[in-house]
Amino acid sequence: MCRFYIKCKNNLWYGFFNHFNSNLVTQAISTRFHGVSKAEFSSLNLALHNGDNSKDVWQNREAFCLGLGIDAKKIVTAQQVHGTNVLCVDESYLGRGAFDYEEAIENTDGLITNVPDLPLMMFFADCVPILIFDPIKKAIGICHAGWKGTVHGIAQKTVQAMGSSFNSRPEDCLIGIGPSIGPCCFEVDEPVYTQFKQAFPSLTYKQTSKEKWKINLWEANRLQLKNIGVLDKNIICSNVCTKCNSDVFFSYRADEGKTGRIAAIIQLKS
């Protein structure tokens, strides 16, 4: 059965999607366990942009990547801005943002590559991590789908960029939608609701008060992917809400804005 699992390996707790062939690709979603960061970043904070001690973050990144068999010095990261820019990266980008946030790729919320041993990593605390794997063309992608990115189609654009760069076909792509704020907890006001209603008229919306609605980001991303030809059977959602499970994952809303970040990472094997 295709699904999302959480496991412990080498004293590292992480989630993974079992419909991605482990002989071809390494992929994981981190938890907040077994790091060295302190206070609100406790303990496996993997992001450099949120005020944590950079030495602690690097130690966390090294430990996380080591547990997965990935070289932390090679990770490619981005300065995420809740936008829709997608970049195709090659060997010249190796290590961008691994040690220093200022060296991360600017203004980018989607990364794609077909280069083996080039790990793509992004960071989340309620926003939706989306991993993409094309086993036919041997290509991968990752994107950061906050509510703005979801409304403006970052998941679609990342798959389409793989088509332009690698001739990936949507029907061949496997998708993993990682832990993020769920429909149980993602409540918005009328201006945000209106944007979703325009972008996803068929999505089910739950009105909770006169001016508040709950929205299913997971289903919104599933719908936009299906609309470009991704097969429903190839889209696996973790169905794990980070706000409900803020003891396991960092949650911006649960922690009132001051918190760490989990990471999603994906790498083609050589």
C-alpha atoms as a PDB file:
ATOM      1  CA  MET A   1       0.000   0.000   0.000  1.00  0.00           C
ATOM      2  CA  CYS A   2       1.361   3.416  -0.985  1.00  0.00           C
ATOM      3  CA  ARG A   3       1.549   5.784   1.968  1.00  0.00           C
ATOM      4  CA  PHE A   4       3.668   8.079   4.147  1.00  0.00           C
ATOM      5  CA  TYR A   5       5.609   6.486   7.004  1.00  0.00           C
ATOM      6  CA  ILE A   6       7.636   7.821   9.920  1.00  0.00           C
ATOM      7  CA  LYS A   7      10.616   5.728  10.980  1.00  0.00           C
ATOM      8  CA  CYS A   8      13.722   5.884  13.141  1.00  0.00           C
ATOM      9  CA  LYS A   9      17.069   4.991  11.569  1.00  0.00           C
ATOM     10  CA  ASN A  10      20.502   5.750  13.013  1.00  0.00           C
ATOM     11  CA  ASN A  11      18.768   7.664  15.839  1.00  0.00           C
ATOM     12  CA  LEU A  12      17.103   9.876  13.214  1.00  0.00           C
ATOM     13  CA  TRP A  13      13.321  10.205  13.071  1.00  0.00           C
ATOM     14  CA  TYR A  14      11.999  11.127   9.628  1.00  0.00           C
ATOM     15  CA  GLY A  15       9.097  10.566   7.283  1.00  0.00           C
ATOM     16  CA  PHE A  16       9.191   9.142   3.774  1.00  0.00           C
ATOM     17  CA  PHE A  17       6.902   8.116   0.909  1.00  0.00           C
ATOM     18  CA  ASN A  18       7.062   4.441   0.015  1.00  0.00           C
ATOM     19  CA  HIS A  19       5.927   4.877  -3.608  1.00  0.00           C
ATOM     20  CA  PHE A  20       9.298   6.469  -4.451  1.00  0.00           C
ATOM     21  CA  ASN A  21      11.751   3.713  -5.465  1.00  0.00           C
ATOM     22  CA  SER A  22      14.449   3.730  -2.784  1.00  0.00           C
ATOM     23  CA  ASN A  23      16.942   2.245  -5.248  1.00  0.00           C
ATOM     24  CA  LEU A  24      16.641   5.367  -7.387  1.00  0.00           C
ATOM     25  CA  VAL A  25      16.017   8.223  -4.977  1.00  0.00           C
ATOM     26  CA  THR A  26      16.584   9.262  -1.369  1.00  0.00           C
ATOM     27  CA  GLN A  27      13.847  11.398   0.166  1.00  0.00           C
ATOM     28  CA  ALA A  28      12.772  12.402   3.648  1.00  0.00           C
ATOM     29  CA  ILE A  29      10.785  14.837   5.755  1.00  0.00           C
ATOM     30  CA  SER A  30      12.477  15.690   9.049  1.00  0.00           C
ATOM     31  CA  THR A  31      10.898  15.896  12.503  1.00  0.00           C
ATOM     32  CA  ARG A  32      11.965  18.166  15.355  1.00  0.00           C
ATOM     33  CA  PHE A  33      13.645  15.342  17.310  1.00  0.00           C
ATOM     34  CA  HIS A  34      17.295  14.726  18.229  1.00  0.00           C
ATOM     35  CA  GLY A  35      18.928  18.001  17.257  1.00  0.00           C
ATOM     36  CA  VAL A  36      21.024  20.486  19.207  1.00  0.00           C
ATOM     37  CA  SER A  37      19.033  23.707  18.776  1.00  0.00           C
ATOM     38  CA  LYS A  38      17.606  25.226  21.928  1.00  0.00           C
ATOM     39  CA  ALA A  39      14.530  27.031  23.242  1.00  0.00           C
ATOM     40  CA  GLU A  40      11.864  27.605  20.581  1.00  0.00           C
ATOM     41  CA  PHE A  41      14.097  25.956  17.964  1.00  0.00           C
ATOM     42  CA  SER A  42      14.348  22.719  19.928  1.00  0.00           C
ATOM     43  CA  SER A  43      15.759  20.706  18.636  1.00  0.00           C
ATOM     44  CA  LEU A  44      16.320  19.662  14.997  1.00  0.00           C
ATOM     45  CA  ASN A  45      15.820  23.068  13.406  1.00  0.00           C
ATOM     46  CA  LEU A  46      17.238  22.882   9.883  1.00  0.00           C
ATOM     47  CA  ALA A  47      16.734  26.470   8.676  1.00  0.00           C
ATOM     48  CA  LEU A  48      19.202  29.340   8.816  1.00  0.00           C
ATOM     49  CA  HIS A  49      16.789  32.230   8.280  1.00  0.00           C
ATOM     50  CA  ASN A  50      14.770  32.190  11.507  1.00  0.00           C
ATOM     51  CA  GLY A  51      17.235  33.450  14.113  1.00  0.00           C
ATOM     52  CA  ASP A  52      18.721  30.183  15.359  1.00  0.00           C
ATOM     53  CA  ASN A  53      22.437  29.776  16.012  1.00  0.00           C
ATOM     54  CA  SER A  54      24.031  28.963  12.657  1.00  0.00           C
ATOM     55  CA  LYS A  55      26.529  26.519  14.177  1.00  0.00           C
ATOM     56  CA  ASP A  56      23.672  24.562  15.735  1.00  0.00           C
ATOM     57  CA  VAL A  57      21.812  24.524  12.425  1.00  0.00           C
ATOM     58  CA  TRP A  58      24.859  23.219  10.590  1.00  0.00           C
ATOM     59  CA  GLN A  59      25.316  20.486  13.192  1.00  0.00           C
ATOM     60  CA  ASN A  60      21.648  19.564  12.732  1.00  0.00           C
ATOM     61  CA  ARG A  61      22.001  19.513   8.944  1.00  0.00           C
ATOM     62  CA  GLU A  62      25.068  17.313   9.153  1.00  0.00           C
ATOM     63  CA  ALA A  63      23.344  14.840  11.462  1.00  0.00           C
ATOM     64  CA  PHE A  64      20.149  14.747   9.389  1.00  0.00           C
ATOM     65  CA  CYS A  65      21.981  14.232   6.102  1.00  0.00           C
ATOM     66  CA  LEU A  66      24.402  11.699   7.587  1.00  0.00           C
ATOM     67  CA  GLY A  67      21.481   9.578   8.725  1.00  0.00           C
ATOM     68  CA  LEU A  68      20.188   9.537   5.148  1.00  0.00           C
ATOM     69  CA  GLY A  69      23.541   8.912   3.482  1.00  0.00           C
ATOM     70  CA  ILE A  70      23.625  12.394   1.957  1.00  0.00           C
ATOM     71  CA  ASP A  71      26.617  14.763   1.895  1.00  0.00           C
ATOM     72  CA  ALA A  72      25.406  17.858   3.769  1.00  0.00           C
ATOM     73  CA  LYS A  73      28.025  20.023   2.073  1.00  0.00           C
ATOM     74  CA  LYS A  74      26.249  19.436  -1.253  1.00  0.00           C
ATOM     75  CA  ILE A  75      22.719  20.460  -0.310  1.00  0.00           C
ATOM     76  CA  VAL A  76      21.092  23.096  -2.495  1.00  0.00           C
ATOM     77  CA  THR A  77      18.651  25.421  -0.754  1.00  0.00           C
ATOM     78  CA  ALA A  78      16.666  28.529  -1.624  1.00  0.00           C
ATOM     79  CA  GLN A  79      15.535  31.784  -0.080  1.00  0.00           C
ATOM     80  CA  GLN A  80      11.842  30.925  -0.094  1.00  0.00           C
ATOM     81  CA  VAL A  81       9.446  33.849  -0.615  1.00  0.00           C
ATOM     82  CA  HIS A  82       5.982  32.253  -1.036  1.00  0.00           C
ATOM     83  CA  GLY A  83       6.280  32.764  -4.787  1.00  0.00           C
ATOM     84  CA  THR A  84       6.201  30.588  -7.898  1.00  0.00           C
ATOM     85  CA  ASN A  85       9.741  30.778  -9.274  1.00  0.00           C
ATOM     86  CA  VAL A  86      11.177  27.355 -10.137  1.00  0.00           C
ATOM     87  CA  LEU A  87      14.858  26.841 -10.937  1.00  0.00           C
ATOM     88  CA  CYS A  88      16.558  23.948 -12.712  1.00  0.00           C
ATOM     89  CA  VAL A  89      19.856  23.305 -10.939  1.00  0.00           C
ATOM     90  CA  ASP A  90      22.988  21.436 -12.014  1.00  0.00           C
ATOM     91  CA  GLU A  91      26.424  20.712 -10.543  1.00  0.00           C
ATOM     92  CA  SER A  92      27.323  24.411 -10.532  1.00  0.00           C
ATOM     93  CA  TYR A  93      24.801  24.917  -7.719  1.00  0.00           C
ATOM     94  CA  LEU A  94      26.235  22.284  -5.376  1.00  0.00           C
ATOM     95  CA  GLY A  95      26.317  23.558  -1.811  1.00  0.00           C
ATOM     96  CA  ARG A  96      24.338  26.754  -2.438  1.00  0.00           C
ATOM     97  CA  GLY A  97      22.999  27.767   0.955  1.00  0.00           C
ATOM     98  CA  ALA A  98      24.401  24.744   2.767  1.00  0.00           C
ATOM     99  CA  PHE A  99      26.383  26.885   5.225  1.00  0.00           C
ATOM    100  CA  ASP A 100      25.108  30.428   4.700  1.00  0.00           C
ATOM    101  CA  TYR A 101      21.559  31.633   4.053  1.00  0.00           C
ATOM    102  CA  GLU A 102      22.875  34.574   2.007  1.00  0.00           C
ATOM    103  CA  GLU A 103      24.341  32.075  -0.465  1.00  0.00           C
ATOM    104  CA  ALA A 104      21.039  30.244  -0.958  1.00  0.00           C
ATOM    105  CA  ILE A 105      19.302  30.703  -4.309  1.00  0.00           C
ATOM    106  CA  GLU A 106      17.303  33.925  -4.195  1.00  0.00           C
ATOM    107  CA  ASN A 107      13.556  34.318  -4.689  1.00  0.00           C
ATOM    108  CA  THR A 108      12.805  30.652  -5.384  1.00  0.00           C
ATOM    109  CA  ASP A 109      10.154  28.226  -4.132  1.00  0.00           C
ATOM    110  CA  GLY A 110      10.732  25.295  -6.473  1.00  0.00           C
ATOM    111  CA  LEU A 111      13.890  23.374  -7.412  1.00  0.00           C
ATOM    112  CA  ILE A 112      14.318  20.644 -10.028  1.00  0.00           C
ATOM    113  CA  THR A 113      17.248  18.567 -11.276  1.00  0.00           C
ATOM    114  CA  ASN A 114      18.196  15.407 -13.127  1.00  0.00           C
ATOM    115  CA  VAL A 115      21.725  15.337 -11.696  1.00  0.00           C
ATOM    116  CA  PRO A 116      22.504  12.405  -9.361  1.00  0.00           C
ATOM    117  CA  ASP A 117      23.945  13.094  -5.906  1.00  0.00           C
ATOM    118  CA  LEU A 118      22.630  16.657  -5.930  1.00  0.00           C
ATOM    119  CA  PRO A 119      20.343  17.014  -2.886  1.00  0.00           C
ATOM    120  CA  LEU A 120      17.526  19.567  -2.985  1.00  0.00           C
ATOM    121  CA  MET A 121      16.309  20.836   0.395  1.00  0.00           C
ATOM    122  CA  MET A 122      13.545  23.236   1.470  1.00  0.00           C
ATOM    123  CA  PHE A 123      12.139  24.309   4.831  1.00  0.00           C
ATOM    124  CA  PHE A 124       8.671  24.340   6.365  1.00  0.00           C
ATOM    125  CA  ALA A 125       6.610  25.106   9.467  1.00  0.00           C
ATOM    126  CA  ASP A 126       2.962  24.581   8.362  1.00  0.00           C
ATOM    127  CA  CYS A 127       3.480  25.277   4.634  1.00  0.00           C
ATOM    128  CA  VAL A 128       3.153  22.268   2.348  1.00  0.00           C
ATOM    129  CA  PRO A 129       6.275  20.317   1.289  1.00  0.00           C
ATOM    130  CA  ILE A 130       5.824  18.698  -2.107  1.00  0.00           C
ATOM    131  CA  LEU A 131       8.300  16.133  -3.453  1.00  0.00           C
ATOM    132  CA  ILE A 132       8.236  15.047  -7.100  1.00  0.00           C
ATOM    133  CA  PHE A 133       9.936  12.072  -8.731  1.00  0.00           C
ATOM    134  CA  ASP A 134       9.846  11.070 -12.392  1.00  0.00           C
ATOM    135  CA  PRO A 135      11.163   7.488 -12.502  1.00  0.00           C
ATOM    136  CA  ILE A 136      11.051   7.425 -16.312  1.00  0.00           C
ATOM    137  CA  LYS A 137      13.245  10.458 -17.021  1.00  0.00           C
ATOM    138  CA  LYS A 138      15.127  10.119 -13.703  1.00  0.00           C
ATOM    139  CA  ALA A 139      14.339  13.632 -12.536  1.00  0.00           C
ATOM    140  CA  ILE A 140      13.235  15.148  -9.235  1.00  0.00           C
ATOM    141  CA  GLY A 141      11.632  18.293  -7.900  1.00  0.00           C
ATOM    142  CA  ILE A 142      10.717  19.934  -4.629  1.00  0.00           C
ATOM    143  CA  CYS A 143       8.520  22.917  -3.881  1.00  0.00           C
ATOM    144  CA  HIS A 144       7.366  25.058  -0.979  1.00  0.00           C
ATOM    145  CA  ALA A 145       3.596  25.521  -1.192  1.00  0.00           C
ATOM    146  CA  GLY A 146       2.365  28.038   1.334  1.00  0.00           C
ATOM    147  CA  TRP A 147      -1.136  29.346   0.837  1.00  0.00           C
ATOM    148  CA  LYS A 148       0.069  31.995  -1.617  1.00  0.00           C
ATOM    149  CA  GLY A 149       2.133  29.486  -3.578  1.00  0.00           C
ATOM    150  CA  THR A 150      -0.794  27.073  -3.596  1.00  0.00           C
ATOM    151  CA  VAL A 151      -3.192  29.711  -4.944  1.00  0.00           C
ATOM    152  CA  HIS A 152      -0.713  30.663  -7.665  1.00  0.00           C
ATOM    153  CA  GLY A 153       0.114  27.092  -8.686  1.00  0.00           C
ATOM    154  CA  ILE A 154       3.660  26.409  -7.476  1.00  0.00           C
ATOM    155  CA  ALA A 155       3.079  22.632  -7.565  1.00  0.00           C
ATOM    156  CA  GLN A 156       1.805  22.794 -11.148  1.00  0.00           C
ATOM    157  CA  LYS A 157       4.644  25.052 -12.192  1.00  0.00           C
ATOM    158  CA  THR A 158       7.261  22.723 -10.710  1.00  0.00           C
ATOM    159  CA  VAL A 159       5.918  19.705 -12.618  1.00  0.00           C
ATOM    160  CA  GLN A 160       5.651  21.807 -15.781  1.00  0.00           C
ATOM    161  CA  ALA A 161       9.250  22.979 -15.339  1.00  0.00           C
ATOM    162  CA  MET A 162      10.308  19.332 -15.200  1.00  0.00           C
ATOM    163  CA  GLY A 163       8.454  18.843 -18.469  1.00  0.00           C
ATOM    164  CA  SER A 164      10.255  21.763 -20.100  1.00  0.00           C
ATOM    165  CA  SER A 165      13.684  20.794 -18.781  1.00  0.00           C
ATOM    166  CA  PHE A 166      13.589  16.985 -18.832  1.00  0.00           C
ATOM    167  CA  ASN A 167      10.560  16.065 -20.989  1.00  0.00           C
ATOM    168  CA  SER A 168       8.868  14.680 -17.889  1.00  0.00           C
ATOM    169  CA  ARG A 169       5.214  13.800 -18.438  1.00  0.00           C
ATOM    170  CA  PRO A 170       2.762  14.616 -15.627  1.00  0.00           C
ATOM    171  CA  GLU A 171       1.286  11.115 -15.805  1.00  0.00           C
ATOM    172  CA  ASP A 172       4.716   9.636 -15.016  1.00  0.00           C
ATOM    173  CA  CYS A 173       5.396  11.861 -12.011  1.00  0.00           C
ATOM    174  CA  LEU A 174       5.034  10.577  -8.457  1.00  0.00           C
ATOM    175  CA  ILE A 175       4.047  13.148  -5.842  1.00  0.00           C
ATOM    176  CA  GLY A 176       4.483  13.236  -2.065  1.00  0.00           C
ATOM    177  CA  ILE A 177       2.553  15.865  -0.082  1.00  0.00           C
ATOM    178  CA  GLY A 178       4.256  16.124   3.288  1.00  0.00           C
ATOM    179  CA  PRO A 179       3.215  17.109   6.816  1.00  0.00           C
ATOM    180  CA  SER A 180       1.774  20.627   6.925  1.00  0.00           C
ATOM    181  CA  ILE A 181      -1.162  22.480   8.380  1.00  0.00           C
ATOM    182  CA  GLY A 182      -4.297  20.435   7.789  1.00  0.00           C
ATOM    183  CA  PRO A 183      -7.913  21.282   6.961  1.00  0.00           C
ATOM    184  CA  CYS A 184      -8.626  20.868  10.666  1.00  0.00           C
ATOM    185  CA  CYS A 185      -6.501  23.914  11.517  1.00  0.00           C
ATOM    186  CA  PHE A 186      -5.970  26.117   8.447  1.00  0.00           C
ATOM    187  CA  GLU A 187      -8.503  28.862   9.092  1.00  0.00           C
ATOM    188  CA  VAL A 188      -8.473  32.047   6.995  1.00  0.00           C
ATOM    189  CA  ASP A 189     -10.324  35.334   6.650  1.00  0.00           C
ATOM    190  CA  GLU A 190     -12.474  36.435   3.735  1.00  0.00           C
ATOM    191  CA  PRO A 191      -9.754  37.951   1.483  1.00  0.00           C
ATOM    192  CA  VAL A 192      -7.754  34.697   1.529  1.00  0.00           C
ATOM    193  CA  TYR A 193     -10.908  32.594   1.163  1.00  0.00           C
ATOM    194  CA  THR A 194     -11.891  34.660  -1.892  1.00  0.00           C
ATOM    195  CA  GLN A 195      -8.545  33.973  -3.572  1.00  0.00           C
ATOM    196  CA  PHE A 196      -8.922  30.235  -2.976  1.00  0.00           C
ATOM    197  CA  LYS A 197     -12.522  30.246  -4.184  1.00  0.00           C
ATOM    198  CA  GLN A 198     -11.414  31.863  -7.435  1.00  0.00           C
ATOM    199  CA  ALA A 199      -8.477  29.493  -7.910  1.00  0.00           C
ATOM    200  CA  PHE A 200     -10.256  26.308  -6.771  1.00  0.00           C
ATOM    201  CA  PRO A 201     -14.025  26.667  -7.261  1.00  0.00           C
ATOM    202  CA  SER A 202     -14.607  22.923  -6.824  1.00  0.00           C
ATOM    203  CA  LEU A 203     -12.781  22.703  -3.492  1.00  0.00           C
ATOM    204  CA  THR A 204     -14.933  22.130  -0.402  1.00  0.00           C
ATOM    205  CA  TYR A 205     -14.829  25.029   2.054  1.00  0.00           C
ATOM    206  CA  LYS A 206     -16.009  24.928   5.670  1.00  0.00           C
ATOM    207  CA  GLN A 207     -17.306  28.198   7.061  1.00  0.00           C
ATOM    208  CA  THR A 208     -16.560  28.381  10.781  1.00  0.00           C
ATOM    209  CA  SER A 209     -17.935  31.857  11.530  1.00  0.00           C
ATOM    210  CA  LYS A 210     -19.240  34.897   9.708  1.00  0.00           C
ATOM    211  CA  GLU A 211     -15.786  35.851   8.437  1.00  0.00           C
ATOM    212  CA  LYS A 212     -13.714  32.657   8.777  1.00  0.00           C
ATOM    213  CA  TRP A 213     -13.294  29.545   6.620  1.00  0.00           C
ATOM    214  CA  LYS A 214     -11.227  26.388   6.884  1.00  0.00           C
ATOM    215  CA  ILE A 215      -9.366  25.302   3.752  1.00  0.00           C
ATOM    216  CA  ASN A 216      -7.724  22.033   2.720  1.00  0.00           C
ATOM    217  CA  LEU A 217      -4.299  22.920   1.303  1.00  0.00           C
ATOM    218  CA  TRP A 218      -3.555  19.265   0.620  1.00  0.00           C
ATOM    219  CA  GLU A 219      -6.603  18.884  -1.597  1.00  0.00           C
ATOM    220  CA  ALA A 220      -5.972  22.218  -3.332  1.00  0.00           C
ATOM    221  CA  ASN A 221      -2.516  21.010  -4.347  1.00  0.00           C
ATOM    222  CA  ARG A 222      -3.880  17.614  -5.376  1.00  0.00           C
ATOM    223  CA  LEU A 223      -6.504  19.285  -7.587  1.00  0.00           C
ATOM    224  CA  GLN A 224      -4.022  21.549  -9.351  1.00  0.00           C
ATOM    225  CA  LEU A 225      -1.721  18.602 -10.045  1.00  0.00           C
ATOM    226  CA  LYS A 226      -4.558  16.461 -11.389  1.00  0.00           C
ATOM    227  CA  ASN A 227      -5.611  19.357 -13.622  1.00  0.00           C
ATOM    228  CA  ILE A 228      -2.319  19.126 -15.539  1.00  0.00           C
ATOM    229  CA  GLY A 229      -2.403  15.343 -15.888  1.00  0.00           C
ATOM    230  CA  VAL A 230      -0.816  13.944 -12.740  1.00  0.00           C
ATOM    231  CA  LEU A 231      -2.596  10.702 -11.889  1.00  0.00           C
ATOM    232  CA  ASP A 232      -4.539  10.660  -8.642  1.00  0.00           C
ATOM    233  CA  LYS A 233      -3.070   7.267  -7.743  1.00  0.00           C
ATOM    234  CA  ASN A 234       0.427   8.770  -7.976  1.00  0.00           C
ATOM    235  CA  ILE A 235      -0.297  11.498  -5.402  1.00  0.00           C
ATOM    236  CA  ILE A 236       0.262  10.372  -1.826  1.00  0.00           C
ATOM    237  CA  CYS A 237      -0.572  12.760   1.004  1.00  0.00           C
ATOM    238  CA  SER A 238       0.839  12.293   4.477  1.00  0.00           C
ATOM    239  CA  ASN A 239      -2.430  13.557   6.028  1.00  0.00           C
ATOM    240  CA  VAL A 240      -0.368  14.744   8.997  1.00  0.00           C
ATOM    241  CA  CYS A 241      -1.219  18.182  10.397  1.00  0.00           C
ATOM    242  CA  THR A 242       1.802  20.015  11.783  1.00  0.00           C
ATOM    243  CA  LYS A 243      -0.293  22.248  14.052  1.00  0.00           C
ATOM    244  CA  CYS A 244      -2.034  19.247  15.621  1.00  0.00           C
ATOM    245  CA  ASN A 245       1.334  17.503  15.941  1.00  0.00           C
ATOM    246  CA  SER A 246       3.564  20.400  16.957  1.00  0.00           C
ATOM    247  CA  ASP A 247       5.348  18.113  19.399  1.00  0.00           C
ATOM    248  CA  VAL A 248       6.697  16.203  16.376  1.00  0.00           C
ATOM    249  CA  PHE A 249       6.940  18.934  13.708  1.00  0.00           C
ATOM    250  CA  PHE A 250       7.566  22.673  13.866  1.00  0.00           C
ATOM    251  CA  SER A 251       4.371  24.716  13.441  1.00  0.00           C
ATOM    252  CA  TYR A 252       4.328  28.461  12.835  1.00  0.00           C
ATOM    253  CA  ARG A 253       0.744  28.787  14.031  1.00  0.00           C
ATOM    254  CA  ALA A 254       1.011  26.508  17.040  1.00  0.00           C
ATOM    255  CA  ASP A 255       4.226  28.201  18.165  1.00  0.00           C
ATOM    256  CA  GLU A 256       2.912  31.716  17.426  1.00  0.00           C
ATOM    257  CA  GLY A 257       5.516  32.541  14.811  1.00  0.00           C
ATOM    258  CA  LYS A 258       8.710  31.848  16.743  1.00  0.00           C
ATOM    259  CA  THR A 259       9.810  28.352  15.853  1.00  0.00           C
ATOM    260  CA  GLY A 260      12.195  26.174  13.888  1.00  0.00           C
ATOM    261  CA  ARG A 261      11.710  24.569  10.495  1.00  0.00           C
ATOM    262  CA  ILE A 262      11.517  20.984   9.352  1.00  0.00           C
ATOM    263  CA  ALA A 263      13.136  20.135   6.028  1.00  0.00           C
ATOM    264  CA  ALA A 264      12.114  18.152   3.009  1.00  0.00           C
ATOM    265  CA  ILE A 265      14.975  16.693   0.998  1.00  0.00           C
ATOM    266  CA  ILE A 266      15.244  14.663  -2.175  1.00  0.00           C
ATOM    267  CA  GLN A 267      18.251  13.342  -4.112  1.00  0.00           C
ATOM    268  CA  LEU A 268      18.701  11.083  -7.115  1.00  0.00           C
ATOM    269  CA  LYS A 269      21.021   8.162  -6.504  1.00  0.00           C
ATOM    270  CA  SER A 270      23.954   7.633  -8.849  1.00  0.00           C
END
